Amino acid sequence: MSDLKSLQEKIAQFVADRDWGQFHNLKDLAISLNLEASEVLEHFQWKNEREMTEYIKENKDEVADELADVLYWVLLMANNMDIDVVAASERKLERNAKKYPIEKSKGNHKKYTEL
């Protein structure tokens, strides 16, 4: 996970070098995250399973770029709110393990309220 912390530091430096922090209020960061997530969706829109599989084979780098953009905005937001995303993810995983116990949820796509 030190790679993730290193990436957060690189992103912070990238922003600082360009003096972009002045534009990075949380609302606009959240909007940017959503926009980038939508760009991931664009790669799959209107494709059936076979078409998506073929598309990924031919366009994996482009999809990877969009996923990297999503991660960039997630980490930038975490930086701005002083959130340790690794610790937050571990806490969330623990909570999800309680909501989705293996014996009830294995092989089941239902929401925890329906298990």
Protein backbone atom coordinates (compact mmCIF):
# COMPACT_ATOMS: atom_id res chain seq x y z
CA MET A 1 0.00 0.00 0.00
CA SER A 2 2.98 2.31 0.16
CA ASP A 3 2.61 2.55 -3.63
CA LEU A 4 -0.77 4.16 -3.10
CA LYS A 5 0.66 6.69 -0.64
CA SER A 6 3.47 7.42 -3.09
CA LEU A 7 0.91 7.97 -5.85
CA GLN A 8 -1.05 10.36 -3.60
CA GLU A 9 2.15 12.33 -2.99
CA LYS A 10 2.92 12.47 -6.73
CA ILE A 11 -0.59 13.74 -7.44
CA ALA A 12 -0.27 16.38 -4.72
CA GLN A 13 3.04 17.51 -6.20
CA PHE A 14 1.62 17.55 -9.72
CA VAL A 15 -1.18 19.85 -8.55
CA ALA A 16 1.14 22.04 -6.46
CA ASP A 17 3.60 22.49 -9.34
CA ARG A 18 0.78 23.89 -11.47
CA ASP A 19 -0.86 25.93 -8.69
CA TRP A 20 -4.15 24.17 -9.36
CA GLY A 21 -5.12 23.76 -5.71
CA GLN A 22 -6.90 27.10 -5.86
CA PHE A 23 -9.46 25.53 -8.20
CA HIS A 24 -9.94 22.32 -6.23
CA ASN A 25 -12.93 22.85 -4.00
CA LEU A 26 -14.63 19.62 -2.96
CA LYS A 27 -17.70 20.20 -5.13
CA ASP A 28 -15.64 20.51 -8.29
CA LEU A 29 -13.45 17.57 -7.35
CA ALA A 30 -16.56 15.43 -6.87
CA ILE A 31 -17.93 16.60 -10.21
CA SER A 32 -14.63 15.76 -11.91
CA LEU A 33 -14.66 12.29 -10.34
CA ASN A 34 -18.17 11.71 -11.63
CA LEU A 35 -17.29 12.97 -15.12
CA GLU A 36 -14.30 10.63 -15.34
CA ALA A 37 -16.39 7.69 -14.11
CA SER A 38 -18.86 8.52 -16.88
CA GLU A 39 -16.04 8.38 -19.39
CA VAL A 40 -15.36 4.81 -18.24
CA LEU A 41 -19.01 3.99 -18.90
CA GLU A 42 -18.80 5.41 -22.41
CA HIS A 43 -16.48 2.56 -23.39
CA PHE A 44 -19.22 0.02 -22.63
CA GLN A 45 -22.34 1.85 -23.70
CA TRP A 46 -24.46 0.08 -26.30
CA LYS A 47 -22.23 -3.02 -26.41
CA ASN A 48 -23.33 -6.55 -25.66
CA GLU A 49 -21.09 -8.98 -23.77
CA ARG A 50 -19.29 -10.19 -26.91
CA GLU A 51 -18.72 -6.66 -28.18
CA MET A 52 -17.39 -5.51 -24.79
CA THR A 53 -14.95 -8.41 -24.63
CA GLU A 54 -13.63 -7.62 -28.11
CA TYR A 55 -13.55 -3.89 -27.39
CA ILE A 56 -11.42 -4.38 -24.28
CA LYS A 57 -8.93 -6.48 -26.24
CA GLU A 58 -8.53 -3.66 -28.75
CA ASN A 59 -8.88 -0.64 -26.41
CA LYS A 60 -7.47 -1.73 -23.08
CA ASP A 61 -5.04 1.18 -22.86
CA GLU A 62 -7.80 3.74 -23.39
CA VAL A 63 -9.97 2.14 -20.71
CA ALA A 64 -6.94 1.98 -18.40
CA ASP A 65 -6.41 5.72 -18.92
CA GLU A 66 -9.98 6.42 -17.85
CA LEU A 67 -9.66 4.20 -14.77
CA ALA A 68 -6.43 6.02 -13.91
CA ASP A 69 -8.30 9.33 -14.21
CA VAL A 70 -10.96 8.07 -11.78
CA LEU A 71 -8.27 6.99 -9.31
CA TYR A 72 -6.55 10.37 -9.71
CA TRP A 73 -9.68 12.23 -8.61
CA VAL A 74 -10.39 9.82 -5.77
CA LEU A 75 -6.88 10.29 -4.41
CA LEU A 76 -6.98 14.04 -4.93
CA MET A 77 -10.23 14.26 -2.96
CA ALA A 78 -8.73 12.09 -0.24
CA ASN A 79 -5.70 14.40 -0.10
CA ASN A 80 -7.90 17.47 0.21
CA MET A 81 -9.95 15.94 3.04
CA ASP A 82 -6.96 14.31 4.75
CA ILE A 83 -8.50 10.86 4.38
CA ASP A 84 -6.33 7.77 4.52
CA VAL A 85 -8.00 5.83 1.71
CA VAL A 86 -6.28 2.58 2.66
CA ALA A 87 -7.56 2.76 6.24
CA ALA A 88 -10.99 3.89 5.02
CA SER A 89 -11.12 1.00 2.55
CA GLU A 90 -10.15 -1.51 5.22
CA ARG A 91 -12.86 -0.17 7.57
CA LYS A 92 -15.43 -0.31 4.78
CA LEU A 93 -14.43 -3.86 3.88
CA GLU A 94 -14.90 -4.91 7.52
CA ARG A 95 -18.37 -3.33 7.59
CA ASN A 96 -19.27 -4.99 4.28
CA ALA A 97 -18.12 -8.36 5.60
CA LYS A 98 -20.66 -8.00 8.40
CA LYS A 99 -23.42 -6.88 6.03
CA TYR A 100 -22.60 -9.63 3.54
CA PRO A 101 -21.65 -12.75 5.51
CA ILE A 102 -20.33 -15.51 3.27
CA GLU A 103 -22.98 -18.02 4.32
CA LYS A 104 -25.76 -15.67 3.16
CA SER A 105 -24.21 -13.83 0.27
CA LYS A 106 -21.95 -16.31 -1.55
CA GLY A 107 -23.13 -16.53 -5.15
CA ASN A 108 -25.98 -14.13 -4.40
CA HIS A 109 -26.28 -10.64 -5.89
CA LYS A 110 -28.98 -9.39 -3.51
CA LYS A 111 -28.44 -6.31 -1.40
CA TYR A 112 -27.69 -6.98 2.27
CA THR A 113 -31.17 -5.79 3.23
CA GLU A 114 -32.64 -8.60 1.14
CA LEU A 115 -30.45 -11.46 2.37
